[in-house]
Amino acid sequence: MPDEHGFNRRKLLTALAGLTLVSATLPKALANTESHSKNSRTLVAYFSRSGSTKVIAGVIHRNLHTDLFVIEPEIAYPEDYFKTVEQAQAERQQAIKPAIKNNVINLEYYQTIYLGFPIWGTSIPPVVQTFLSTHNFANKKLIPFITHGGYGIGDSEDVLAELAPLAQRVTPLVIECGQERRTTETVIGWLASSIT
């Protein structure tokens, strides 16, 4: 029997090889709730702030014909990057797991779950930790895809092991994307110098 995951992984990597994160666009199928494909037993669930993780989720979704779920906090994070960083740090330090807007209906139906998230402060964002702790991943194949701004995956493997201990975890896809902090600081510095 052929290795379906290996085939799908090769197909995904081929698709990602030609991906330009800045110019890629996503279909309208990326909604706040599940988008059902006929007879799909695979789900892509992701959280994205700057859009990089969303782009990768879209590539996986389109190429593997999966269902799709957007992980969103009940109360949105601030649009300002630095305020979001401050809030996420406070949540992490106080072990707060913010409520999420929606849950996956019938997670037991899915055999394979691709889970996408950026690394925040060397860890999994608190809202994704809420998602992991409020859903049962026992006997599911959990395939993370992780974006980061240059600091690697941090303690995400440990957090996944703690919050989804009975999942069959697969080696994650890890991609360094443009760092939002660096971009923001560069633009702010440029604006300051152009005003004077």
N, C-alpha and C. Protein backbone atom coordinates (compact mmCIF):
# COMPACT_ATOMS: atom_id res chain seq x y z
N MET A 1 0.84 -1.18 0.00
CA MET A 1 0.00 0.00 0.00
C MET A 1 0.89 1.26 0.00
N PRO A 2 0.69 2.21 -0.92
CA PRO A 2 1.55 3.38 -0.99
C PRO A 2 1.39 4.27 0.24
N ASP A 3 2.43 4.99 0.56
CA ASP A 3 2.40 5.89 1.71
C ASP A 3 1.69 7.17 1.31
N GLU A 4 0.41 7.26 1.68
CA GLU A 4 -0.42 8.41 1.27
C GLU A 4 0.12 9.71 1.85
N HIS A 5 0.56 9.66 3.12
CA HIS A 5 1.09 10.87 3.73
C HIS A 5 2.35 11.34 3.00
N GLY A 6 3.25 10.39 2.67
CA GLY A 6 4.47 10.73 1.95
C GLY A 6 4.16 11.36 0.61
N PHE A 7 3.18 10.79 -0.10
CA PHE A 7 2.79 11.34 -1.40
C PHE A 7 2.22 12.75 -1.22
N ASN A 8 1.33 12.91 -0.24
CA ASN A 8 0.73 14.22 0.01
C ASN A 8 1.77 15.24 0.42
N ARG A 9 2.75 14.82 1.23
CA ARG A 9 3.81 15.72 1.67
C ARG A 9 4.64 16.19 0.48
N ARG A 10 4.99 15.23 -0.43
CA ARG A 10 5.76 15.60 -1.63
C ARG A 10 4.95 16.57 -2.49
N LYS A 11 3.66 16.29 -2.64
CA LYS A 11 2.80 17.16 -3.43
C LYS A 11 2.74 18.56 -2.82
N LEU A 12 2.62 18.62 -1.49
CA LEU A 12 2.57 19.90 -0.79
C LEU A 12 3.88 20.66 -0.94
N LEU A 13 5.01 19.98 -0.75
CA LEU A 13 6.30 20.64 -0.86
C LEU A 13 6.55 21.16 -2.27
N THR A 14 6.08 20.41 -3.27
CA THR A 14 6.19 20.87 -4.65
C THR A 14 5.40 22.15 -4.84
N ALA A 15 4.19 22.18 -4.27
CA ALA A 15 3.34 23.37 -4.39
C ALA A 15 3.98 24.56 -3.67
N LEU A 16 4.55 24.30 -2.48
CA LEU A 16 5.14 25.39 -1.71
C LEU A 16 6.42 25.91 -2.34
N ALA A 17 7.11 25.06 -3.12
CA ALA A 17 8.36 25.48 -3.73
C ALA A 17 8.17 26.69 -4.63
N GLY A 18 7.02 26.77 -5.28
CA GLY A 18 6.77 27.89 -6.18
C GLY A 18 5.96 29.00 -5.54
N LEU A 19 5.77 28.92 -4.23
CA LEU A 19 4.92 29.88 -3.54
C LEU A 19 5.66 31.18 -3.25
N THR A 20 5.07 32.30 -3.60
CA THR A 20 5.59 33.60 -3.20
C THR A 20 4.62 34.14 -2.17
N LEU A 21 5.07 34.18 -0.91
CA LEU A 21 4.16 34.55 0.18
C LEU A 21 3.59 35.94 0.02
N VAL A 22 4.36 36.87 -0.54
CA VAL A 22 3.89 38.24 -0.63
C VAL A 22 2.76 38.38 -1.63
N SER A 23 2.86 37.67 -2.76
CA SER A 23 1.89 37.91 -3.81
C SER A 23 0.78 36.88 -3.88
N ALA A 24 0.86 35.85 -3.05
CA ALA A 24 -0.16 34.80 -3.13
C ALA A 24 -1.50 35.31 -2.64
N THR A 25 -2.56 34.84 -3.26
CA THR A 25 -3.91 35.19 -2.81
C THR A 25 -4.64 33.91 -2.48
N LEU A 26 -5.71 34.05 -1.70
CA LEU A 26 -6.44 32.89 -1.24
C LEU A 26 -7.88 32.94 -1.73
N PRO A 27 -8.48 31.75 -1.90
CA PRO A 27 -9.86 31.71 -2.34
C PRO A 27 -10.81 32.15 -1.23
N LYS A 28 -12.04 32.44 -1.59
CA LYS A 28 -13.04 32.85 -0.61
C LYS A 28 -13.37 31.72 0.36
N ALA A 29 -12.91 30.51 0.08
CA ALA A 29 -13.21 29.36 0.94
C ALA A 29 -12.60 29.52 2.33
N LEU A 30 -11.64 30.43 2.51
CA LEU A 30 -11.03 30.59 3.81
C LEU A 30 -11.93 31.45 4.69
N ALA A 31 -12.91 30.82 5.28
CA ALA A 31 -13.89 31.51 6.12
C ALA A 31 -13.59 31.24 7.58
N ASN A 32 -14.42 31.79 8.47
CA ASN A 32 -14.22 31.61 9.90
C ASN A 32 -14.58 30.21 10.37
N THR A 33 -15.37 29.52 9.60
CA THR A 33 -15.79 28.20 10.01
C THR A 33 -15.40 27.19 8.94
N GLU A 34 -15.74 25.95 9.20
CA GLU A 34 -15.32 24.89 8.30
C GLU A 34 -15.85 25.06 6.88
N SER A 35 -15.01 24.70 5.94
CA SER A 35 -15.38 24.66 4.54
C SER A 35 -15.31 23.18 4.15
N HIS A 36 -16.44 22.58 3.83
CA HIS A 36 -16.48 21.14 3.63
C HIS A 36 -16.20 20.74 2.19
N SER A 37 -15.26 19.82 2.02
CA SER A 37 -15.01 19.20 0.73
C SER A 37 -15.69 17.84 0.76
N LYS A 38 -16.10 17.38 -0.39
CA LYS A 38 -16.81 16.10 -0.43
C LYS A 38 -15.92 14.98 0.11
N ASN A 39 -16.42 14.29 1.13
CA ASN A 39 -15.79 13.11 1.69
C ASN A 39 -14.37 13.33 2.22
N SER A 40 -14.00 14.57 2.55
CA SER A 40 -12.66 14.81 3.08
C SER A 40 -12.59 14.30 4.51
N ARG A 41 -11.54 13.56 4.81
CA ARG A 41 -11.28 13.12 6.18
C ARG A 41 -10.07 13.86 6.74
N THR A 42 -9.68 14.94 6.04
CA THR A 42 -8.53 15.75 6.44
C THR A 42 -8.98 17.17 6.68
N LEU A 43 -8.47 17.74 7.77
CA LEU A 43 -8.81 19.11 8.14
C LEU A 43 -7.54 19.94 8.22
N VAL A 44 -7.61 21.15 7.70
CA VAL A 44 -6.55 22.13 7.92
C VAL A 44 -7.12 23.15 8.90
N ALA A 45 -6.49 23.26 10.07
CA ALA A 45 -6.89 24.25 11.07
C ALA A 45 -5.70 25.17 11.28
N TYR A 46 -5.94 26.48 11.27
CA TYR A 46 -4.80 27.38 11.38
C TYR A 46 -5.18 28.68 12.08
N PHE A 47 -4.14 29.30 12.64
CA PHE A 47 -4.24 30.66 13.17
C PHE A 47 -3.18 31.48 12.47
N SER A 48 -3.55 32.67 12.02
CA SER A 48 -2.60 33.52 11.31
C SER A 48 -2.87 34.97 11.69
N ARG A 49 -1.80 35.70 11.96
CA ARG A 49 -1.95 37.12 12.24
C ARG A 49 -1.52 37.97 11.06
N SER A 50 -0.31 37.72 10.56
CA SER A 50 0.22 38.56 9.49
C SER A 50 -0.16 38.05 8.10
N GLY A 51 -0.63 36.80 8.01
CA GLY A 51 -1.07 36.26 6.73
C GLY A 51 -0.20 35.15 6.17
N SER A 52 1.03 34.99 6.66
CA SER A 52 1.92 33.96 6.12
C SER A 52 1.38 32.55 6.36
N THR A 53 0.91 32.29 7.57
CA THR A 53 0.38 30.96 7.89
C THR A 53 -0.90 30.71 7.10
N LYS A 54 -1.69 31.75 6.89
CA LYS A 54 -2.92 31.65 6.10
C LYS A 54 -2.62 31.23 4.66
N VAL A 55 -1.56 31.79 4.09
CA VAL A 55 -1.18 31.44 2.72
C VAL A 55 -0.83 29.96 2.63
N ILE A 56 -0.03 29.48 3.58
CA ILE A 56 0.36 28.07 3.57
C ILE A 56 -0.86 27.18 3.77
N ALA A 57 -1.75 27.57 4.67
CA ALA A 57 -2.99 26.81 4.89
C ALA A 57 -3.78 26.71 3.59
N GLY A 58 -3.84 27.80 2.84
CA GLY A 58 -4.56 27.81 1.57
C GLY A 58 -3.95 26.86 0.55
N VAL A 59 -2.62 26.81 0.52
CA VAL A 59 -1.93 25.91 -0.41
C VAL A 59 -2.26 24.45 -0.07
N ILE A 60 -2.18 24.13 1.21
CA ILE A 60 -2.49 22.76 1.65
C ILE A 60 -3.94 22.43 1.32
N HIS A 61 -4.84 23.32 1.68
CA HIS A 61 -6.28 23.14 1.47
C HIS A 61 -6.60 22.87 0.00
N ARG A 62 -6.05 23.70 -0.89
CA ARG A 62 -6.35 23.55 -2.32
C ARG A 62 -5.73 22.30 -2.92
N ASN A 63 -4.49 21.99 -2.51
CA ASN A 63 -3.80 20.86 -3.11
C ASN A 63 -4.27 19.51 -2.61
N LEU A 64 -4.71 19.45 -1.36
CA LEU A 64 -5.15 18.17 -0.78
C LEU A 64 -6.66 18.06 -0.69
N HIS A 65 -7.39 19.11 -1.10
CA HIS A 65 -8.86 19.12 -1.08
C HIS A 65 -9.39 18.78 0.31
N THR A 66 -8.92 19.54 1.29
CA THR A 66 -9.28 19.31 2.68
C THR A 66 -10.45 20.18 3.09
N ASP A 67 -10.93 19.97 4.31
CA ASP A 67 -11.81 20.93 4.95
C ASP A 67 -10.91 21.95 5.64
N LEU A 68 -11.47 23.09 5.99
CA LEU A 68 -10.67 24.20 6.48
C LEU A 68 -11.33 24.83 7.70
N PHE A 69 -10.52 25.17 8.70
CA PHE A 69 -11.02 25.80 9.91
C PHE A 69 -10.06 26.90 10.34
N VAL A 70 -10.59 28.10 10.56
CA VAL A 70 -9.78 29.22 11.02
C VAL A 70 -9.90 29.33 12.54
N ILE A 71 -8.78 29.26 13.23
CA ILE A 71 -8.76 29.43 14.68
C ILE A 71 -8.74 30.93 14.96
N GLU A 72 -9.77 31.41 15.66
CA GLU A 72 -9.86 32.84 15.95
C GLU A 72 -10.20 33.04 17.42
N PRO A 73 -9.57 34.02 18.04
CA PRO A 73 -9.95 34.33 19.43
C PRO A 73 -11.34 34.96 19.45
N GLU A 74 -12.05 34.73 20.54
CA GLU A 74 -13.38 35.34 20.69
C GLU A 74 -13.28 36.87 20.64
N ILE A 75 -12.26 37.40 21.29
CA ILE A 75 -11.96 38.83 21.22
C ILE A 75 -10.68 38.96 20.41
N ALA A 76 -10.77 39.62 19.28
CA ALA A 76 -9.63 39.71 18.36
C ALA A 76 -8.42 40.38 19.02
N TYR A 77 -7.24 39.93 18.61
CA TYR A 77 -6.02 40.59 19.05
C TYR A 77 -5.97 41.98 18.42
N PRO A 78 -5.27 42.93 19.07
CA PRO A 78 -5.17 44.28 18.51
C PRO A 78 -4.53 44.26 17.12
N GLU A 79 -4.91 45.20 16.29
CA GLU A 79 -4.29 45.30 14.96
C GLU A 79 -2.85 45.76 15.06
N ASP A 80 -2.54 46.57 16.05
CA ASP A 80 -1.18 47.05 16.25
C ASP A 80 -0.28 45.88 16.68
N TYR A 81 0.82 45.69 15.95
CA TYR A 81 1.71 44.56 16.22
C TYR A 81 2.23 44.56 17.65
N PHE A 82 2.71 45.71 18.12
CA PHE A 82 3.33 45.78 19.45
C PHE A 82 2.32 45.56 20.56
N LYS A 83 1.09 46.01 20.37
CA LYS A 83 0.04 45.75 21.36
C LYS A 83 -0.31 44.26 21.41
N THR A 84 -0.28 43.61 20.24
CA THR A 84 -0.52 42.17 20.20
C THR A 84 0.59 41.43 20.94
N VAL A 85 1.83 41.83 20.71
CA VAL A 85 2.97 41.20 21.40
C VAL A 85 2.80 41.35 22.91
N GLU A 86 2.45 42.55 23.33
CA GLU A 86 2.25 42.82 24.77
C GLU A 86 1.15 41.93 25.35
N GLN A 87 0.03 41.83 24.64
CA GLN A 87 -1.08 41.01 25.12
C GLN A 87 -0.70 39.53 25.17
N ALA A 88 -0.03 39.06 24.13
CA ALA A 88 0.38 37.64 24.08
C ALA A 88 1.36 37.32 25.20
N GLN A 89 2.28 38.25 25.49
CA GLN A 89 3.22 38.04 26.60
C GLN A 89 2.48 37.95 27.94
N ALA A 90 1.49 38.83 28.13
CA ALA A 90 0.71 38.80 29.37
C ALA A 90 -0.06 37.49 29.49
N GLU A 91 -0.64 37.04 28.39
CA GLU A 91 -1.38 35.77 28.40
C GLU A 91 -0.46 34.61 28.76
N ARG A 92 0.74 34.62 28.16
CA ARG A 92 1.69 33.54 28.42
C ARG A 92 2.16 33.56 29.87
N GLN A 93 2.52 34.74 30.38
CA GLN A 93 3.02 34.86 31.75
C GLN A 93 1.97 34.48 32.79
N GLN A 94 0.70 34.77 32.48
CA GLN A 94 -0.38 34.47 33.42
C GLN A 94 -1.10 33.15 33.10
N ALA A 95 -0.53 32.40 32.15
CA ALA A 95 -1.12 31.11 31.72
C ALA A 95 -2.58 31.25 31.30
N ILE A 96 -2.89 32.35 30.61
CA ILE A 96 -4.24 32.59 30.11
C ILE A 96 -4.38 31.94 28.74
N LYS A 97 -5.44 31.18 28.59
CA LYS A 97 -5.76 30.62 27.28
C LYS A 97 -7.07 31.31 26.84
N PRO A 98 -6.96 32.27 25.93
CA PRO A 98 -8.15 33.04 25.55
C PRO A 98 -9.20 32.17 24.87
N ALA A 99 -10.45 32.52 25.09
CA ALA A 99 -11.55 31.78 24.47
C ALA A 99 -11.47 31.89 22.95
N ILE A 100 -11.89 30.84 22.26
CA ILE A 100 -11.92 30.88 20.80
C ILE A 100 -13.34 31.06 20.31
N LYS A 101 -13.45 31.66 19.13
CA LYS A 101 -14.76 32.03 18.58
C LYS A 101 -15.60 30.80 18.24
N ASN A 102 -15.00 29.80 17.63
CA ASN A 102 -15.73 28.59 17.20
C ASN A 102 -14.93 27.34 17.52
N ASN A 103 -15.61 26.23 17.63
CA ASN A 103 -14.97 24.93 17.76
C ASN A 103 -15.22 24.12 16.50
N VAL A 104 -14.35 23.14 16.26
CA VAL A 104 -14.55 22.26 15.11
C VAL A 104 -15.71 21.34 15.42
N ILE A 105 -16.68 21.31 14.53
CA ILE A 105 -17.83 20.41 14.70
C ILE A 105 -17.40 19.03 14.22
N ASN A 106 -17.65 18.01 15.03
CA ASN A 106 -17.35 16.62 14.66
C ASN A 106 -15.88 16.39 14.35
N LEU A 107 -14.99 16.81 15.25
CA LEU A 107 -13.57 16.56 15.03
C LEU A 107 -13.28 15.07 14.90
N GLU A 108 -14.12 14.25 15.56
CA GLU A 108 -13.90 12.80 15.51
C GLU A 108 -13.98 12.26 14.08
N TYR A 109 -14.62 12.97 13.19
CA TYR A 109 -14.75 12.55 11.79
C TYR A 109 -13.41 12.55 11.07
N TYR A 110 -12.51 13.46 11.48
CA TYR A 110 -11.26 13.64 10.74
C TYR A 110 -10.18 12.67 11.21
N GLN A 111 -9.44 12.13 10.25
CA GLN A 111 -8.33 11.23 10.56
C GLN A 111 -7.01 12.00 10.65
N THR A 112 -6.89 13.03 9.81
CA THR A 112 -5.65 13.79 9.72
C THR A 112 -5.95 15.27 9.90
N ILE A 113 -5.15 15.93 10.72
CA ILE A 113 -5.32 17.36 10.96
C ILE A 113 -3.99 18.07 10.74
N TYR A 114 -3.98 18.97 9.77
CA TYR A 114 -2.84 19.86 9.57
C TYR A 114 -3.10 21.07 10.47
N LEU A 115 -2.16 21.38 11.35
CA LEU A 115 -2.34 22.47 12.29
C LEU A 115 -1.29 23.55 12.03
N GLY A 116 -1.75 24.75 11.64
CA GLY A 116 -0.83 25.82 11.31
C GLY A 116 -0.85 26.96 12.32
N PHE A 117 0.33 27.46 12.64
CA PHE A 117 0.43 28.58 13.57
C PHE A 117 1.80 29.24 13.45
N PRO A 118 1.87 30.53 13.79
CA PRO A 118 3.17 31.20 13.88
C PRO A 118 3.75 30.98 15.27
N ILE A 119 5.04 31.16 15.39
CA ILE A 119 5.68 31.13 16.71
C ILE A 119 5.60 32.53 17.30
N TRP A 120 5.08 32.60 18.51
CA TRP A 120 4.99 33.87 19.24
C TRP A 120 5.82 33.75 20.51
N GLY A 121 6.84 34.57 20.63
CA GLY A 121 7.64 34.56 21.86
C GLY A 121 8.21 33.18 22.15
N THR A 122 8.70 32.52 21.15
CA THR A 122 9.31 31.17 21.20
C THR A 122 8.32 30.06 21.55
N SER A 123 7.02 30.30 21.35
CA SER A 123 6.05 29.26 21.68
C SER A 123 4.84 29.32 20.76
N ILE A 124 3.90 28.43 21.02
CA ILE A 124 2.63 28.40 20.29
C ILE A 124 1.74 29.51 20.83
N PRO A 125 1.10 30.29 19.96
CA PRO A 125 0.23 31.37 20.46
C PRO A 125 -0.83 30.84 21.43
N PRO A 126 -1.15 31.62 22.47
CA PRO A 126 -2.12 31.18 23.47
C PRO A 126 -3.45 30.73 22.87
N VAL A 127 -3.94 31.40 21.83
CA VAL A 127 -5.22 31.02 21.24
C VAL A 127 -5.15 29.64 20.59
N VAL A 128 -4.00 29.27 20.06
CA VAL A 128 -3.83 27.93 19.48
C VAL A 128 -3.74 26.90 20.61
N GLN A 129 -3.15 27.30 21.73
CA GLN A 129 -3.13 26.40 22.88
C GLN A 129 -4.55 26.14 23.38
N THR A 130 -5.41 27.15 23.33
CA THR A 130 -6.82 26.95 23.68
C THR A 130 -7.44 25.93 22.73
N PHE A 131 -7.20 26.09 21.45
CA PHE A 131 -7.74 25.16 20.45
C PHE A 131 -7.29 23.73 20.76
N LEU A 132 -6.01 23.56 21.06
CA LEU A 132 -5.48 22.23 21.35
C LEU A 132 -6.09 21.64 22.62
N SER A 133 -6.29 22.47 23.63
CA SER A 133 -6.79 21.94 24.91
C SER A 133 -8.30 21.75 24.93
N THR A 134 -9.01 22.28 23.94
CA THR A 134 -10.47 22.12 23.92
C THR A 134 -10.95 21.13 22.87
N HIS A 135 -10.04 20.46 22.21
CA HIS A 135 -10.39 19.44 21.22
C HIS A 135 -9.63 18.16 21.53
N ASN A 136 -10.22 17.04 21.20
CA ASN A 136 -9.61 15.74 21.48
C ASN A 136 -8.89 15.22 20.24
N PHE A 137 -7.57 15.13 20.32
CA PHE A 137 -6.76 14.69 19.18
C PHE A 137 -6.30 13.24 19.31
N ALA A 138 -6.91 12.49 20.22
CA ALA A 138 -6.52 11.09 20.41
C ALA A 138 -6.69 10.33 19.11
N ASN A 139 -5.66 9.59 18.75
CA ASN A 139 -5.64 8.73 17.56
C ASN A 139 -5.77 9.50 16.24
N LYS A 140 -5.49 10.81 16.29
CA LYS A 140 -5.48 11.60 15.06
C LYS A 140 -4.03 11.77 14.61
N LYS A 141 -3.83 11.86 13.29
CA LYS A 141 -2.52 12.22 12.77
C LYS A 141 -2.47 13.74 12.78
N LEU A 142 -1.58 14.31 13.56
CA LEU A 142 -1.46 15.75 13.72
C LEU A 142 -0.18 16.21 13.02
N ILE A 143 -0.36 17.03 11.98
CA ILE A 143 0.77 17.48 11.17
C ILE A 143 0.89 19.00 11.28
N PRO A 144 1.83 19.48 12.10
CA PRO A 144 1.96 20.93 12.25
C PRO A 144 2.66 21.57 11.05
N PHE A 145 2.26 22.80 10.73
CA PHE A 145 3.06 23.64 9.83
C PHE A 145 3.23 24.96 10.55
N ILE A 146 4.49 25.35 10.69
CA ILE A 146 4.87 26.40 11.61
C ILE A 146 5.61 27.50 10.87
N THR A 147 5.20 28.75 11.10
CA THR A 147 5.94 29.88 10.55
C THR A 147 6.64 30.60 11.70
N HIS A 148 7.79 31.20 11.39
CA HIS A 148 8.51 31.94 12.42
C HIS A 148 9.32 33.05 11.75
N GLY A 149 9.73 34.00 12.56
CA GLY A 149 10.45 35.16 12.05
C GLY A 149 11.95 35.06 12.17
N GLY A 150 12.47 33.85 12.34
CA GLY A 150 13.92 33.69 12.41
C GLY A 150 14.41 33.02 13.67
N TYR A 151 13.50 32.75 14.60
CA TYR A 151 13.92 32.19 15.89
C TYR A 151 13.61 30.70 16.03
N GLY A 152 13.14 30.07 14.98
CA GLY A 152 12.87 28.64 15.04
C GLY A 152 11.54 28.31 15.71
N ILE A 153 11.41 27.03 16.10
CA ILE A 153 10.12 26.55 16.60
C ILE A 153 9.96 26.65 18.11
N GLY A 154 10.97 27.15 18.80
CA GLY A 154 10.85 27.33 20.24
C GLY A 154 10.48 26.05 20.96
N ASP A 155 9.54 26.16 21.90
CA ASP A 155 9.12 24.98 22.68
C ASP A 155 7.84 24.34 22.12
N SER A 156 7.54 24.61 20.85
CA SER A 156 6.27 24.14 20.29
C SER A 156 6.12 22.62 20.34
N GLU A 157 7.20 21.87 20.16
CA GLU A 157 7.11 20.41 20.23
C GLU A 157 6.67 19.96 21.63
N ASP A 158 7.21 20.59 22.66
CA ASP A 158 6.84 20.26 24.04
C ASP A 158 5.38 20.60 24.32
N VAL A 159 4.94 21.77 23.82
CA VAL A 159 3.56 22.18 24.04
C VAL A 159 2.60 21.24 23.32
N LEU A 160 2.93 20.86 22.10
CA LEU A 160 2.09 19.91 21.36
C LEU A 160 2.01 18.57 22.10
N ALA A 161 3.14 18.10 22.61
CA ALA A 161 3.17 16.83 23.35
C ALA A 161 2.32 16.91 24.61
N GLU A 162 2.31 18.08 25.24
CA GLU A 162 1.54 18.26 26.47
C GLU A 162 0.04 18.38 26.19
N LEU A 163 -0.33 19.16 25.16
CA LEU A 163 -1.74 19.44 24.92
C LEU A 163 -2.43 18.45 23.98
N ALA A 164 -1.67 17.69 23.24
CA ALA A 164 -2.25 16.65 22.37
C ALA A 164 -1.43 15.37 22.52
N PRO A 165 -1.39 14.84 23.76
CA PRO A 165 -0.50 13.71 24.06
C PRO A 165 -0.84 12.42 23.32
N LEU A 166 -2.09 12.24 22.94
CA LEU A 166 -2.49 10.98 22.30
C LEU A 166 -2.55 11.09 20.78
N ALA A 167 -2.14 12.23 20.25
CA ALA A 167 -2.11 12.39 18.79
C ALA A 167 -0.85 11.72 18.24
N GLN A 168 -0.95 11.27 17.01
CA GLN A 168 0.23 10.75 16.31
C GLN A 168 0.84 11.94 15.57
N ARG A 169 1.89 12.52 16.17
CA ARG A 169 2.47 13.72 15.58
C ARG A 169 3.48 13.38 14.50
N VAL A 170 3.43 14.16 13.42
CA VAL A 170 4.32 13.99 12.29
C VAL A 170 5.31 15.16 12.30
N THR A 171 6.50 14.94 11.79
CA THR A 171 7.50 16.01 11.71
C THR A 171 6.90 17.23 11.04
N PRO A 172 7.00 18.40 11.67
CA PRO A 172 6.34 19.59 11.12
C PRO A 172 7.06 20.18 9.92
N LEU A 173 6.30 20.92 9.14
CA LEU A 173 6.86 21.77 8.11
C LEU A 173 7.16 23.10 8.81
N VAL A 174 8.39 23.57 8.73
CA VAL A 174 8.79 24.80 9.42
C VAL A 174 9.32 25.77 8.37
N ILE A 175 8.72 26.97 8.33
CA ILE A 175 9.10 27.95 7.32
C ILE A 175 9.37 29.29 7.98
N GLU A 176 10.53 29.86 7.65
CA GLU A 176 10.83 31.22 8.12
C GLU A 176 10.18 32.20 7.16
N CYS A 177 9.37 33.08 7.70
CA CYS A 177 8.68 34.09 6.89
C CYS A 177 9.17 35.46 7.32
N GLY A 178 8.86 36.47 6.52
CA GLY A 178 9.28 37.82 6.85
C GLY A 178 8.86 38.19 8.25
N GLN A 179 9.77 38.70 9.04
CA GLN A 179 9.46 39.02 10.43
C GLN A 179 8.69 40.33 10.52
N GLU A 180 7.51 40.25 11.10
CA GLU A 180 6.64 41.42 11.18
C GLU A 180 7.27 42.53 12.03
N ARG A 181 7.92 42.15 13.12
CA ARG A 181 8.54 43.16 13.99
C ARG A 181 9.60 43.94 13.20
N ARG A 182 10.47 43.22 12.49
CA ARG A 182 11.54 43.87 11.73
C ARG A 182 10.95 44.82 10.68
N THR A 183 9.94 44.35 9.98
CA THR A 183 9.30 45.17 8.95
C THR A 183 8.68 46.42 9.56
N THR A 184 7.94 46.22 10.67
CA THR A 184 7.28 47.34 11.34
C THR A 184 8.30 48.38 11.82
N GLU A 185 9.37 47.91 12.46
CA GLU A 185 10.38 48.83 12.96
C GLU A 185 11.09 49.57 11.82
N THR A 186 11.34 48.88 10.71
CA THR A 186 11.97 49.51 9.55
C THR A 186 11.09 50.63 8.99
N VAL A 187 9.79 50.35 8.87
CA VAL A 187 8.86 51.35 8.34
C VAL A 187 8.75 52.54 9.29
N ILE A 188 8.66 52.27 10.60
CA ILE A 188 8.57 53.35 11.58
C ILE A 188 9.83 54.22 11.53
N GLY A 189 10.99 53.57 11.43
CA GLY A 189 12.26 54.32 11.34
C GLY A 189 12.32 55.16 10.08
N TRP A 190 11.86 54.59 8.98
CA TRP A 190 11.84 55.32 7.70
C TRP A 190 10.91 56.51 7.78
N LEU A 191 9.72 56.30 8.37
CA LEU A 191 8.77 57.40 8.50
C LEU A 191 9.35 58.52 9.36
N ALA A 192 10.00 58.14 10.46
CA ALA A 192 10.57 59.15 11.36
C ALA A 192 11.65 59.96 10.64
N SER A 193 12.48 59.29 9.84
CA SER A 193 13.55 60.00 9.15
C SER A 193 13.03 60.84 7.99
N SER A 194 11.93 60.44 7.40
CA SER A 194 11.40 61.19 6.26
C SER A 194 10.62 62.42 6.71
N ILE A 195 10.18 62.44 7.97
CA ILE A 195 9.42 63.58 8.48
C ILE A 195 10.38 64.71 8.86
N THR A 196 11.57 64.34 9.36
CA THR A 196 12.51 65.38 9.81
C THR A 196 13.27 66.02 8.66
